[in-house]
């Protein structure tokens, strides 16, 4: 209970600080004017990119599951993705959505919870690696062109952390070193789930060609998804080429993974105002870009909400009527 209160207090503090920064920077009436006059065609194109990117991401997940003997239909995995995006609107960031996918898929395939969790987390790790590869490209594109030095250092730190994590997960030589953490994991009562996930991910070291193809596909998908952010900016009149968004996009995807606030509320908009502000974009248009991109993520969650409602109603219709007690 005390831990929950501390977490809630921390969330409120972060949200409050971000909101204060935003209102200090923007003119509310001007921002509303920018949003009201947004170009719907650009917004619709951004939504289309994000929504249709679910299919290749579900296919890569299907391949990872199949490699470990779990076969499932692409249609159901797409459905699981959409439902997870809906859950991510009320749970802490995309990680909350991953928990939804793990829970539902584990129930669908009893006895394979560790393998399912490993596939989802490996998929997330490969997504992070692809994002950081884009960040490296963005780094090269930004040198000498854009004044975003602090952000480039953050991207560099993420790159180093990802390399270290990959070595820890797949290196056999480091297994004795990781074994020293077992007493701590037992004390925290998380040894069994952590061991199951680690063993599940480590087992993929024998599927190098698959991991390479999944990584390549993820890199393409992430590159296309960055264009959705650019289109959102175009919708509110931000006149920048896609190039700076390949610096900004990977960082945004990484920032939204960290559970600062529910669904990245205020943190996302603060990031847009800060980053685009360094590129000469007015705070009003920068905030409008972030706020409109929030609605892109809401649009991504709507199919999952529809699926949830439909399945709930169908289940209620199929449930047998209870006979009244005599």
C-alpha atoms as a PDB file:
ATOM      1  CA  UNK A   1       0.000   0.000   0.000  1.00  0.00           C
ATOM      2  CA  UNK A   2       2.816   2.397   0.923  1.00  0.00           C
ATOM      3  CA  UNK A   3       4.641   1.575  -2.316  1.00  0.00           C
ATOM      4  CA  UNK A   4       1.507   2.350  -4.341  1.00  0.00           C
ATOM      5  CA  UNK A   5       1.103   5.690  -2.600  1.00  0.00           C
ATOM      6  CA  UNK A   6       4.735   6.580  -3.327  1.00  0.00           C
ATOM      7  CA  UNK A   7       4.297   5.620  -6.971  1.00  0.00           C
ATOM      8  CA  UNK A   8       1.073   7.618  -7.236  1.00  0.00           C
ATOM      9  CA  UNK A   9       2.738  10.622  -5.641  1.00  0.00           C
ATOM     10  CA  UNK A  10       5.670  10.334  -8.036  1.00  0.00           C
ATOM     11  CA  UNK A  11       3.324  10.131 -11.024  1.00  0.00           C
ATOM     12  CA  UNK A  12       1.403  13.200  -9.873  1.00  0.00           C
ATOM     13  CA  UNK A  13       4.635  15.157  -9.331  1.00  0.00           C
ATOM     14  CA  UNK A  14       5.972  14.293 -12.808  1.00  0.00           C
ATOM     15  CA  UNK A  15       2.609  15.086 -14.422  1.00  0.00           C
ATOM     16  CA  UNK A  16       2.354  18.361 -12.527  1.00  0.00           C
ATOM     17  CA  UNK A  17       5.866  19.475 -13.455  1.00  0.00           C
ATOM     18  CA  UNK A  18       5.326  18.622 -17.121  1.00  0.00           C
ATOM     19  CA  UNK A  19       1.959  20.396 -17.170  1.00  0.00           C
ATOM     20  CA  UNK A  20       3.498  23.491 -15.553  1.00  0.00           C
ATOM     21  CA  UNK A  21       6.261  23.526 -18.188  1.00  0.00           C
ATOM     22  CA  UNK A  22       3.703  23.200 -20.991  1.00  0.00           C
ATOM     23  CA  UNK A  23       1.447  26.002 -19.751  1.00  0.00           C
ATOM     24  CA  UNK A  24       4.501  28.199 -19.205  1.00  0.00           C
ATOM     25  CA  UNK A  25       5.492  27.708 -22.846  1.00  0.00           C
ATOM     26  CA  UNK A  26       2.229  27.790 -24.798  1.00  0.00           C
ATOM     27  CA  UNK A  27      -0.571  30.235 -25.495  1.00  0.00           C
ATOM     28  CA  UNK A  28      -3.675  28.135 -24.868  1.00  0.00           C
ATOM     29  CA  UNK A  29      -5.969  30.070 -27.225  1.00  0.00           C
ATOM     30  CA  UNK A  30      -3.411  29.944 -30.035  1.00  0.00           C
ATOM     31  CA  UNK A  31      -2.840  26.236 -29.470  1.00  0.00           C
ATOM     32  CA  UNK A  32      -6.578  25.560 -29.645  1.00  0.00           C
ATOM     33  CA  UNK A  33      -6.709  27.541 -32.897  1.00  0.00           C
ATOM     34  CA  UNK A  34      -3.887  25.399 -34.348  1.00  0.00           C
ATOM     35  CA  UNK A  35      -5.635  22.165 -33.353  1.00  0.00           C
ATOM     36  CA  UNK A  36      -9.040  23.236 -34.665  1.00  0.00           C
ATOM     37  CA  UNK A  37      -7.538  24.046 -38.067  1.00  0.00           C
ATOM     38  CA  UNK A  38      -5.428  20.873 -38.312  1.00  0.00           C
ATOM     39  CA  UNK A  39      -5.309  19.158 -41.704  1.00  0.00           C
ATOM     40  CA  UNK A  40      -7.418  16.010 -41.365  1.00  0.00           C
ATOM     41  CA  UNK A  41      -5.847  14.280 -44.388  1.00  0.00           C
ATOM     42  CA  UNK A  42      -2.385  14.319 -42.798  1.00  0.00           C
ATOM     43  CA  UNK A  43      -3.856  13.117 -39.507  1.00  0.00           C
ATOM     44  CA  UNK A  44      -5.729  10.273 -41.238  1.00  0.00           C
ATOM     45  CA  UNK A  45      -2.538   9.220 -43.040  1.00  0.00           C
ATOM     46  CA  UNK A  46      -0.692   9.101 -39.696  1.00  0.00           C
ATOM     47  CA  UNK A  47      -3.444   6.927 -38.199  1.00  0.00           C
ATOM     48  CA  UNK A  48      -3.364   4.600 -41.213  1.00  0.00           C
ATOM     49  CA  UNK A  49       0.398   4.089 -40.891  1.00  0.00           C
ATOM     50  CA  UNK A  50       0.171   3.257 -37.196  1.00  0.00           C
ATOM     51  CA  UNK A  51      -2.852   0.959 -37.532  1.00  0.00           C
ATOM     52  CA  UNK A  52      -1.617  -1.043 -40.543  1.00  0.00           C
ATOM     53  CA  UNK A  53       1.818  -1.492 -38.958  1.00  0.00           C
ATOM     54  CA  UNK A  54       0.151  -3.884 -36.496  1.00  0.00           C
ATOM     55  CA  UNK A  55       0.006  -6.691 -39.084  1.00  0.00           C
ATOM     56  CA  UNK A  56       3.766  -6.995 -39.727  1.00  0.00           C
ATOM     57  CA  UNK A  57       4.426  -6.696 -35.990  1.00  0.00           C
ATOM     58  CA  UNK A  58       1.951  -9.502 -35.279  1.00  0.00           C
ATOM     59  CA  UNK A  59       3.598 -11.602 -38.004  1.00  0.00           C
ATOM     60  CA  UNK A  60       7.045 -11.219 -36.412  1.00  0.00           C
ATOM     61  CA  UNK A  61       5.539 -12.294 -33.069  1.00  0.00           C
ATOM     62  CA  UNK A  62       3.956 -15.294 -34.790  1.00  0.00           C
ATOM     63  CA  UNK A  63       7.391 -16.324 -36.136  1.00  0.00           C
ATOM     64  CA  UNK A  64       8.993 -16.014 -32.680  1.00  0.00           C
ATOM     65  CA  UNK A  65       6.264 -18.165 -31.125  1.00  0.00           C
ATOM     66  CA  UNK A  66       6.428 -20.747 -33.916  1.00  0.00           C
ATOM     67  CA  UNK A  67      10.185 -21.111 -33.399  1.00  0.00           C
ATOM     68  CA  UNK A  68       9.411 -22.464 -29.920  1.00  0.00           C
ATOM     69  CA  UNK A  69       6.559 -24.734 -30.949  1.00  0.00           C
ATOM     70  CA  UNK A  70       3.623 -22.423 -30.282  1.00  0.00           C
ATOM     71  CA  UNK A  71       1.433 -22.081 -33.380  1.00  0.00           C
ATOM     72  CA  UNK A  72      -1.313 -19.501 -33.527  1.00  0.00           C
ATOM     73  CA  UNK A  73      -3.344 -17.705 -36.183  1.00  0.00           C
ATOM     74  CA  UNK A  74      -2.140 -14.327 -37.412  1.00  0.00           C
ATOM     75  CA  UNK A  75      -5.681 -12.975 -37.035  1.00  0.00           C
ATOM     76  CA  UNK A  76      -5.772 -13.795 -33.334  1.00  0.00           C
ATOM     77  CA  UNK A  77      -2.331 -12.289 -32.750  1.00  0.00           C
ATOM     78  CA  UNK A  78      -3.426  -9.084 -34.512  1.00  0.00           C
ATOM     79  CA  UNK A  79      -6.480  -9.072 -32.237  1.00  0.00           C
ATOM     80  CA  UNK A  80      -4.217  -9.519 -29.199  1.00  0.00           C
ATOM     81  CA  UNK A  81      -2.122  -6.558 -30.321  1.00  0.00           C
ATOM     82  CA  UNK A  82      -5.138  -4.268 -30.649  1.00  0.00           C
ATOM     83  CA  UNK A  83      -6.521  -5.320 -27.256  1.00  0.00           C
ATOM     84  CA  UNK A  84      -3.086  -4.712 -25.743  1.00  0.00           C
ATOM     85  CA  UNK A  85      -3.009  -1.202 -27.199  1.00  0.00           C
ATOM     86  CA  UNK A  86      -6.362  -0.574 -25.534  1.00  0.00           C
ATOM     87  CA  UNK A  87      -4.987  -1.826 -22.219  1.00  0.00           C
ATOM     88  CA  UNK A  88      -1.959   0.407 -22.671  1.00  0.00           C
ATOM     89  CA  UNK A  89      -4.210   3.470 -22.531  1.00  0.00           C
ATOM     90  CA  UNK A  90      -4.934   2.838 -18.843  1.00  0.00           C
ATOM     91  CA  UNK A  91      -1.860   0.821 -17.815  1.00  0.00           C
ATOM     92  CA  UNK A  92       1.670   2.215 -17.490  1.00  0.00           C
ATOM     93  CA  UNK A  93       2.937   2.768 -21.053  1.00  0.00           C
ATOM     94  CA  UNK A  94       3.486   0.092 -23.699  1.00  0.00           C
ATOM     95  CA  UNK A  95       4.838  -2.262 -21.033  1.00  0.00           C
ATOM     96  CA  UNK A  96       1.305  -2.524 -19.640  1.00  0.00           C
ATOM     97  CA  UNK A  97       0.077  -3.560 -23.078  1.00  0.00           C
ATOM     98  CA  UNK A  98       2.769  -6.241 -23.217  1.00  0.00           C
ATOM     99  CA  UNK A  99       1.478  -7.624 -19.920  1.00  0.00           C
ATOM    100  CA  UNK A 100      -1.995  -7.905 -21.459  1.00  0.00           C
ATOM    101  CA  UNK A 101      -0.588  -9.853 -24.430  1.00  0.00           C
ATOM    102  CA  UNK A 102       1.376 -12.179 -22.158  1.00  0.00           C
ATOM    103  CA  UNK A 103      -1.645 -12.840 -19.942  1.00  0.00           C
ATOM    104  CA  UNK A 104      -4.089 -13.552 -22.774  1.00  0.00           C
ATOM    105  CA  UNK A 105      -1.701 -15.667 -24.827  1.00  0.00           C
ATOM    106  CA  UNK A 106      -0.563 -17.681 -21.797  1.00  0.00           C
ATOM    107  CA  UNK A 107      -4.199 -18.527 -21.039  1.00  0.00           C
ATOM    108  CA  UNK A 108      -4.633 -19.572 -24.667  1.00  0.00           C
ATOM    109  CA  UNK A 109      -1.564 -21.840 -24.483  1.00  0.00           C
ATOM    110  CA  UNK A 110      -1.497 -23.316 -20.948  1.00  0.00           C
ATOM    111  CA  UNK A 111       1.902 -24.405 -19.674  1.00  0.00           C
ATOM    112  CA  UNK A 112       3.775 -22.078 -22.009  1.00  0.00           C
ATOM    113  CA  UNK A 113       3.699 -18.896 -19.939  1.00  0.00           C
ATOM    114  CA  UNK A 114       7.475 -18.537 -19.776  1.00  0.00           C
ATOM    115  CA  UNK A 115       7.895 -19.047 -23.525  1.00  0.00           C
ATOM    116  CA  UNK A 116       5.096 -16.599 -24.325  1.00  0.00           C
ATOM    117  CA  UNK A 117       6.543 -13.967 -21.983  1.00  0.00           C
ATOM    118  CA  UNK A 118       9.991 -14.507 -23.498  1.00  0.00           C
ATOM    119  CA  UNK A 119       8.636 -14.029 -27.042  1.00  0.00           C
ATOM    120  CA  UNK A 120       6.868 -10.789 -26.115  1.00  0.00           C
ATOM    121  CA  UNK A 121       9.845  -9.375 -24.223  1.00  0.00           C
ATOM    122  CA  UNK A 122      12.288 -10.435 -26.939  1.00  0.00           C
ATOM    123  CA  UNK A 123      10.037  -8.776 -29.489  1.00  0.00           C
ATOM    124  CA  UNK A 124      10.098  -5.620 -27.367  1.00  0.00           C
ATOM    125  CA  UNK A 125      13.890  -5.832 -27.032  1.00  0.00           C
ATOM    126  CA  UNK A 126      14.322  -6.240 -30.791  1.00  0.00           C
ATOM    127  CA  UNK A 127      11.990  -3.295 -31.269  1.00  0.00           C
ATOM    128  CA  UNK A 128      14.173  -1.254 -28.936  1.00  0.00           C
ATOM    129  CA  UNK A 129      17.311  -2.324 -30.802  1.00  0.00           C
ATOM    130  CA  UNK A 130      15.739  -1.329 -34.130  1.00  0.00           C
ATOM    131  CA  UNK A 131      14.658   1.978 -32.629  1.00  0.00           C
ATOM    132  CA  UNK A 132      18.206   2.623 -31.455  1.00  0.00           C
ATOM    133  CA  UNK A 133      19.559   1.744 -34.890  1.00  0.00           C
ATOM    134  CA  UNK A 134      17.284   4.440 -36.258  1.00  0.00           C
ATOM    135  CA  UNK A 135      18.581   6.692 -33.493  1.00  0.00           C
ATOM    136  CA  UNK A 136      22.126   6.067 -34.706  1.00  0.00           C
ATOM    137  CA  UNK A 137      21.046   7.036 -38.224  1.00  0.00           C
ATOM    138  CA  UNK A 138      19.352  10.099 -36.769  1.00  0.00           C
ATOM    139  CA  UNK A 139      22.537  10.908 -34.856  1.00  0.00           C
ATOM    140  CA  UNK A 140      24.510  10.912 -38.117  1.00  0.00           C
ATOM    141  CA  UNK A 141      21.847  13.026 -39.823  1.00  0.00           C
ATOM    142  CA  UNK A 142      21.762  15.538 -36.976  1.00  0.00           C
ATOM    143  CA  UNK A 143      25.472  16.255 -36.595  1.00  0.00           C
ATOM    144  CA  UNK A 144      26.098  19.830 -37.634  1.00  0.00           C
ATOM    145  CA  UNK A 145      22.480  20.342 -38.719  1.00  0.00           C
ATOM    146  CA  UNK A 146      20.271  20.442 -35.612  1.00  0.00           C
ATOM    147  CA  UNK A 147      20.827  21.857 -32.143  1.00  0.00           C
ATOM    148  CA  UNK A 148      19.705  18.799 -30.179  1.00  0.00           C
ATOM    149  CA  UNK A 149      22.982  17.901 -28.485  1.00  0.00           C
ATOM    150  CA  UNK A 150      21.506  16.840 -25.132  1.00  0.00           C
ATOM    151  CA  UNK A 151      19.095  14.453 -26.831  1.00  0.00           C
ATOM    152  CA  UNK A 152      21.909  12.870 -28.810  1.00  0.00           C
ATOM    153  CA  UNK A 153      23.728  12.056 -25.558  1.00  0.00           C
ATOM    154  CA  UNK A 154      20.546  10.401 -24.249  1.00  0.00           C
ATOM    155  CA  UNK A 155      20.295   8.325 -27.420  1.00  0.00           C
ATOM    156  CA  UNK A 156      23.935   7.319 -26.997  1.00  0.00           C
ATOM    157  CA  UNK A 157      23.256   6.154 -23.442  1.00  0.00           C
ATOM    158  CA  UNK A 158      20.320   4.030 -24.645  1.00  0.00           C
ATOM    159  CA  UNK A 159      22.523   2.465 -27.335  1.00  0.00           C
ATOM    160  CA  UNK A 160      25.153   1.447 -24.775  1.00  0.00           C
ATOM    161  CA  UNK A 161      22.496   0.087 -22.388  1.00  0.00           C
ATOM    162  CA  UNK A 162      20.929  -1.992 -25.177  1.00  0.00           C
ATOM    163  CA  UNK A 163      24.282  -3.517 -26.149  1.00  0.00           C
ATOM    164  CA  UNK A 164      24.974  -4.436 -22.516  1.00  0.00           C
ATOM    165  CA  UNK A 165      21.494  -5.984 -22.146  1.00  0.00           C
ATOM    166  CA  UNK A 166      21.931  -8.037 -25.332  1.00  0.00           C
ATOM    167  CA  UNK A 167      25.242  -9.417 -24.077  1.00  0.00           C
ATOM    168  CA  UNK A 168      23.717 -10.317 -20.708  1.00  0.00           C
ATOM    169  CA  UNK A 169      20.756 -12.108 -22.290  1.00  0.00           C
ATOM    170  CA  UNK A 170      22.616 -14.155 -24.892  1.00  0.00           C
ATOM    171  CA  UNK A 171      26.148 -14.685 -23.572  1.00  0.00           C
ATOM    172  CA  UNK A 172      26.862 -18.139 -22.135  1.00  0.00           C
ATOM    173  CA  UNK A 173      30.046 -16.947 -20.454  1.00  0.00           C
ATOM    174  CA  UNK A 174      28.098 -14.491 -18.312  1.00  0.00           C
ATOM    175  CA  UNK A 175      25.629 -17.061 -16.979  1.00  0.00           C
ATOM    176  CA  UNK A 176      27.781 -17.744 -13.856  1.00  0.00           C
ATOM    177  CA  UNK A 177      27.829 -14.013 -13.182  1.00  0.00           C
ATOM    178  CA  UNK A 178      24.043 -13.783 -13.503  1.00  0.00           C
ATOM    179  CA  UNK A 179      23.686 -16.798 -11.195  1.00  0.00           C
ATOM    180  CA  UNK A 180      25.018 -14.631  -8.366  1.00  0.00           C
ATOM    181  CA  UNK A 181      21.784 -12.631  -8.491  1.00  0.00           C
ATOM    182  CA  UNK A 182      19.690 -15.693  -7.552  1.00  0.00           C
ATOM    183  CA  UNK A 183      19.736 -15.019  -3.755  1.00  0.00           C
ATOM    184  CA  UNK A 184      18.477 -11.472  -4.369  1.00  0.00           C
ATOM    185  CA  UNK A 185      15.763 -12.710  -6.741  1.00  0.00           C
ATOM    186  CA  UNK A 186      14.685 -15.290  -4.156  1.00  0.00           C
ATOM    187  CA  UNK A 187      14.524 -12.611  -1.501  1.00  0.00           C
ATOM    188  CA  UNK A 188      12.320 -10.509  -3.808  1.00  0.00           C
ATOM    189  CA  UNK A 189      10.255 -13.639  -4.624  1.00  0.00           C
ATOM    190  CA  UNK A 190      10.674 -13.220  -8.369  1.00  0.00           C
ATOM    191  CA  UNK A 191      13.243 -15.934  -9.091  1.00  0.00           C
ATOM    192  CA  UNK A 192      10.876 -18.318 -10.905  1.00  0.00           C
ATOM    193  CA  UNK A 193       9.311 -15.834 -13.366  1.00  0.00           C
ATOM    194  CA  UNK A 194      12.644 -14.082 -14.023  1.00  0.00           C
ATOM    195  CA  UNK A 195      14.385 -17.424 -14.603  1.00  0.00           C
ATOM    196  CA  UNK A 196      11.603 -18.619 -16.936  1.00  0.00           C
ATOM    197  CA  UNK A 197      11.765 -15.446 -19.029  1.00  0.00           C
ATOM    198  CA  UNK A 198      15.567 -15.415 -19.115  1.00  0.00           C
ATOM    199  CA  UNK A 199      15.778 -19.056 -20.179  1.00  0.00           C
ATOM    200  CA  UNK A 200      13.105 -18.449 -22.791  1.00  0.00           C
ATOM    201  CA  UNK A 201      14.952 -15.481 -24.318  1.00  0.00           C
ATOM    202  CA  UNK A 202      18.365 -17.142 -24.021  1.00  0.00           C
ATOM    203  CA  UNK A 203      17.049 -20.147 -25.972  1.00  0.00           C
ATOM    204  CA  UNK A 204      16.604 -17.914 -29.035  1.00  0.00           C
ATOM    205  CA  UNK A 205      20.382 -17.695 -29.432  1.00  0.00           C
ATOM    206  CA  UNK A 206      19.989 -20.833 -31.554  1.00  0.00           C
ATOM    207  CA  UNK A 207      17.665 -18.973 -33.946  1.00  0.00           C
ATOM    208  CA  UNK A 208      20.063 -16.334 -35.256  1.00  0.00           C
ATOM    209  CA  UNK A 209      18.662 -16.177 -38.840  1.00  0.00           C
ATOM    210  CA  UNK A 210      15.160 -15.680 -37.443  1.00  0.00           C
ATOM    211  CA  UNK A 211      16.331 -12.909 -35.115  1.00  0.00           C
ATOM    212  CA  UNK A 212      18.095 -11.165 -37.995  1.00  0.00           C
ATOM    213  CA  UNK A 213      14.966 -11.245 -40.166  1.00  0.00           C
ATOM    214  CA  UNK A 214      12.738 -10.107 -37.291  1.00  0.00           C
ATOM    215  CA  UNK A 215      15.150  -7.270 -36.548  1.00  0.00           C
ATOM    216  CA  UNK A 216      15.214  -6.205 -40.225  1.00  0.00           C
ATOM    217  CA  UNK A 217      11.418  -6.222 -40.416  1.00  0.00           C
ATOM    218  CA  UNK A 218      11.187  -4.249 -37.180  1.00  0.00           C
ATOM    219  CA  UNK A 219      13.659  -1.690 -38.494  1.00  0.00           C
ATOM    220  CA  UNK A 220      11.500  -1.115 -41.589  1.00  0.00           C
ATOM    221  CA  UNK A 221       8.299  -0.879 -39.521  1.00  0.00           C
ATOM    222  CA  UNK A 222       9.836   1.592 -37.084  1.00  0.00           C
ATOM    223  CA  UNK A 223      11.167   3.718 -39.938  1.00  0.00           C
ATOM    224  CA  UNK A 224       7.681   3.914 -41.442  1.00  0.00           C
ATOM    225  CA  UNK A 225       6.082   4.645 -38.063  1.00  0.00           C
ATOM    226  CA  UNK A 226       8.367   7.668 -37.641  1.00  0.00           C
ATOM    227  CA  UNK A 227       6.656   9.105 -40.719  1.00  0.00           C
ATOM    228  CA  UNK A 228       3.395   9.066 -38.740  1.00  0.00           C
ATOM    229  CA  UNK A 229       4.936  11.601 -36.335  1.00  0.00           C
ATOM    230  CA  UNK A 230       6.084  13.728 -39.269  1.00  0.00           C
ATOM    231  CA  UNK A 231       2.579  13.642 -40.779  1.00  0.00           C
ATOM    232  CA  UNK A 232       1.116  14.679 -37.430  1.00  0.00           C
ATOM    233  CA  UNK A 233       3.428  17.689 -37.420  1.00  0.00           C
ATOM    234  CA  UNK A 234       2.434  18.508 -40.993  1.00  0.00           C
ATOM    235  CA  UNK A 235      -1.217  18.396 -39.927  1.00  0.00           C
ATOM    236  CA  UNK A 236      -0.689  21.363 -37.577  1.00  0.00           C
ATOM    237  CA  UNK A 237       1.612  23.321 -39.873  1.00  0.00           C
ATOM    238  CA  UNK A 238       5.076  22.239 -38.688  1.00  0.00           C
ATOM    239  CA  UNK A 239       7.203  22.802 -41.789  1.00  0.00           C
ATOM    240  CA  UNK A 240      10.077  20.363 -41.243  1.00  0.00           C
ATOM    241  CA  UNK A 241      11.385  17.556 -43.420  1.00  0.00           C
ATOM    242  CA  UNK A 242      11.192  13.961 -42.114  1.00  0.00           C
ATOM    243  CA  UNK A 243      14.944  14.054 -41.299  1.00  0.00           C
ATOM    244  CA  UNK A 244      14.768  15.596 -37.784  1.00  0.00           C
ATOM    245  CA  UNK A 245      11.958  13.204 -36.897  1.00  0.00           C
ATOM    246  CA  UNK A 246      14.417  10.340 -37.306  1.00  0.00           C
ATOM    247  CA  UNK A 247      16.310  11.921 -34.434  1.00  0.00           C
ATOM    248  CA  UNK A 248      13.160  12.642 -32.462  1.00  0.00           C
ATOM    249  CA  UNK A 249      11.061   9.543 -33.229  1.00  0.00           C
ATOM    250  CA  UNK A 250      13.327   6.874 -31.721  1.00  0.00           C
ATOM    251  CA  UNK A 251      13.700   8.945 -28.552  1.00  0.00           C
ATOM    252  CA  UNK A 252       9.936   9.415 -28.327  1.00  0.00           C
ATOM    253  CA  UNK A 253       9.324   5.667 -28.664  1.00  0.00           C
ATOM    254  CA  UNK A 254      11.859   5.027 -25.898  1.00  0.00           C
ATOM    255  CA  UNK A 255      10.516   7.762 -23.619  1.00  0.00           C
ATOM    256  CA  UNK A 256       6.996   6.362 -23.898  1.00  0.00           C
ATOM    257  CA  UNK A 257       8.248   2.966 -22.689  1.00  0.00           C
ATOM    258  CA  UNK A 258       9.214   4.431 -19.323  1.00  0.00           C
ATOM    259  CA  UNK A 259       6.210   4.517 -16.949  1.00  0.00           C
ATOM    260  CA  UNK A 260       6.548   8.161 -15.867  1.00  0.00           C
ATOM    261  CA  UNK A 261       2.786   8.685 -16.173  1.00  0.00           C
ATOM    262  CA  UNK A 262      -0.231   6.712 -17.395  1.00  0.00           C
ATOM    263  CA  UNK A 263      -0.052   6.560 -21.203  1.00  0.00           C
ATOM    264  CA  UNK A 264       2.750   9.140 -21.182  1.00  0.00           C
ATOM    265  CA  UNK A 265       0.303  11.917 -20.302  1.00  0.00           C
ATOM    266  CA  UNK A 266       2.035  15.352 -20.287  1.00  0.00           C
ATOM    267  CA  UNK A 267       5.475  13.726 -20.680  1.00  0.00           C
ATOM    268  CA  UNK A 268       4.849  13.177 -24.383  1.00  0.00           C
ATOM    269  CA  UNK A 269       3.694  16.759 -24.959  1.00  0.00           C
ATOM    270  CA  UNK A 270       6.615  18.153 -22.932  1.00  0.00           C
ATOM    271  CA  UNK A 271       9.015  16.147 -25.082  1.00  0.00           C
ATOM    272  CA  UNK A 272       7.494  17.577 -28.265  1.00  0.00           C
ATOM    273  CA  UNK A 273       7.634  21.148 -26.970  1.00  0.00           C
ATOM    274  CA  UNK A 274      11.241  20.787 -25.860  1.00  0.00           C
ATOM    275  CA  UNK A 275      12.593  18.932 -28.897  1.00  0.00           C
ATOM    276  CA  UNK A 276      10.765  20.808 -31.643  1.00  0.00           C
ATOM    277  CA  UNK A 277      11.379  24.081 -29.805  1.00  0.00           C
ATOM    278  CA  UNK A 278      15.121  23.540 -30.324  1.00  0.00           C
ATOM    279  CA  UNK A 279      14.406  23.368 -34.055  1.00  0.00           C
ATOM    280  CA  UNK A 280      12.631  26.710 -34.174  1.00  0.00           C
ATOM    281  CA  UNK A 281       9.069  25.395 -33.989  1.00  0.00           C
ATOM    282  CA  UNK A 282       6.709  27.496 -31.872  1.00  0.00           C
ATOM    283  CA  UNK A 283       5.611  25.982 -28.571  1.00  0.00           C
ATOM    284  CA  UNK A 284       1.970  26.116 -29.676  1.00  0.00           C
ATOM    285  CA  UNK A 285       2.585  24.035 -32.813  1.00  0.00           C
ATOM    286  CA  UNK A 286       4.981  21.711 -30.991  1.00  0.00           C
ATOM    287  CA  UNK A 287       2.413  21.006 -28.268  1.00  0.00           C
ATOM    288  CA  UNK A 288      -0.312  20.586 -30.889  1.00  0.00           C
ATOM    289  CA  UNK A 289       1.850  17.995 -32.653  1.00  0.00           C
ATOM    290  CA  UNK A 290       2.284  15.997 -29.456  1.00  0.00           C
ATOM    291  CA  UNK A 291      -1.374  16.321 -28.510  1.00  0.00           C
ATOM    292  CA  UNK A 292      -2.519  15.238 -31.966  1.00  0.00           C
ATOM    293  CA  UNK A 293      -0.127  12.281 -31.871  1.00  0.00           C
ATOM    294  CA  UNK A 294      -1.850  11.299 -28.617  1.00  0.00           C
ATOM    295  CA  UNK A 295      -5.076  11.036 -30.620  1.00  0.00           C
ATOM    296  CA  UNK A 296      -3.246   8.867 -33.153  1.00  0.00           C
ATOM    297  CA  UNK A 297      -2.513   6.426 -30.312  1.00  0.00           C
ATOM    298  CA  UNK A 298      -6.138   6.682 -29.177  1.00  0.00           C
ATOM    299  CA  UNK A 299      -7.254   5.765 -32.713  1.00  0.00           C
ATOM    300  CA  UNK A 300      -4.939   2.743 -32.509  1.00  0.00           C
ATOM    301  CA  UNK A 301      -6.706   1.655 -29.322  1.00  0.00           C
ATOM    302  CA  UNK A 302     -10.253   1.919 -30.728  1.00  0.00           C
ATOM    303  CA  UNK A 303     -10.235  -1.429 -32.603  1.00  0.00           C
ATOM    304  CA  UNK A 304      -9.200  -3.177 -29.395  1.00  0.00           C
ATOM    305  CA  UNK A 305     -11.983  -1.462 -27.487  1.00  0.00           C
ATOM    306  CA  UNK A 306     -14.471  -2.579 -30.130  1.00  0.00           C
ATOM    307  CA  UNK A 307     -13.152  -6.157 -29.935  1.00  0.00           C
ATOM    308  CA  UNK A 308     -13.409  -6.150 -26.136  1.00  0.00           C
ATOM    309  CA  UNK A 309     -17.001  -4.856 -26.176  1.00  0.00           C
ATOM    310  CA  UNK A 310     -18.043  -7.294 -28.924  1.00  0.00           C
ATOM    311  CA  UNK A 311     -16.541 -10.310 -27.167  1.00  0.00           C
ATOM    312  CA  UNK A 312     -18.102  -9.271 -23.855  1.00  0.00           C
ATOM    313  CA  UNK A 313     -21.560  -8.965 -25.434  1.00  0.00           C
ATOM    314  CA  UNK A 314     -21.172 -12.245 -27.310  1.00  0.00           C
ATOM    315  CA  UNK A 315     -20.061 -13.994 -24.117  1.00  0.00           C
ATOM    316  CA  UNK A 316     -23.051 -12.579 -22.243  1.00  0.00           C
ATOM    317  CA  UNK A 317     -25.420 -13.895 -24.934  1.00  0.00           C
ATOM    318  CA  UNK A 318     -23.869 -17.369 -24.820  1.00  0.00           C
ATOM    319  CA  UNK A 319     -23.929 -17.609 -21.020  1.00  0.00           C
ATOM    320  CA  UNK A 320     -26.747 -19.949 -19.853  1.00  0.00           C
ATOM    321  CA  UNK A 321     -29.614 -18.328 -18.014  1.00  0.00           C
ATOM    322  CA  UNK A 322     -29.632 -19.126 -14.308  1.00  0.00           C
ATOM    323  CA  UNK A 323     -32.772 -20.758 -13.004  1.00  0.00           C
ATOM    324  CA  UNK A 324     -34.382 -18.960 -10.062  1.00  0.00           C
ATOM    325  CA  UNK A 325     -34.217 -20.727  -6.726  1.00  0.00           C
ATOM    326  CA  UNK A 326     -37.453 -22.500  -5.799  1.00  0.00           C
END
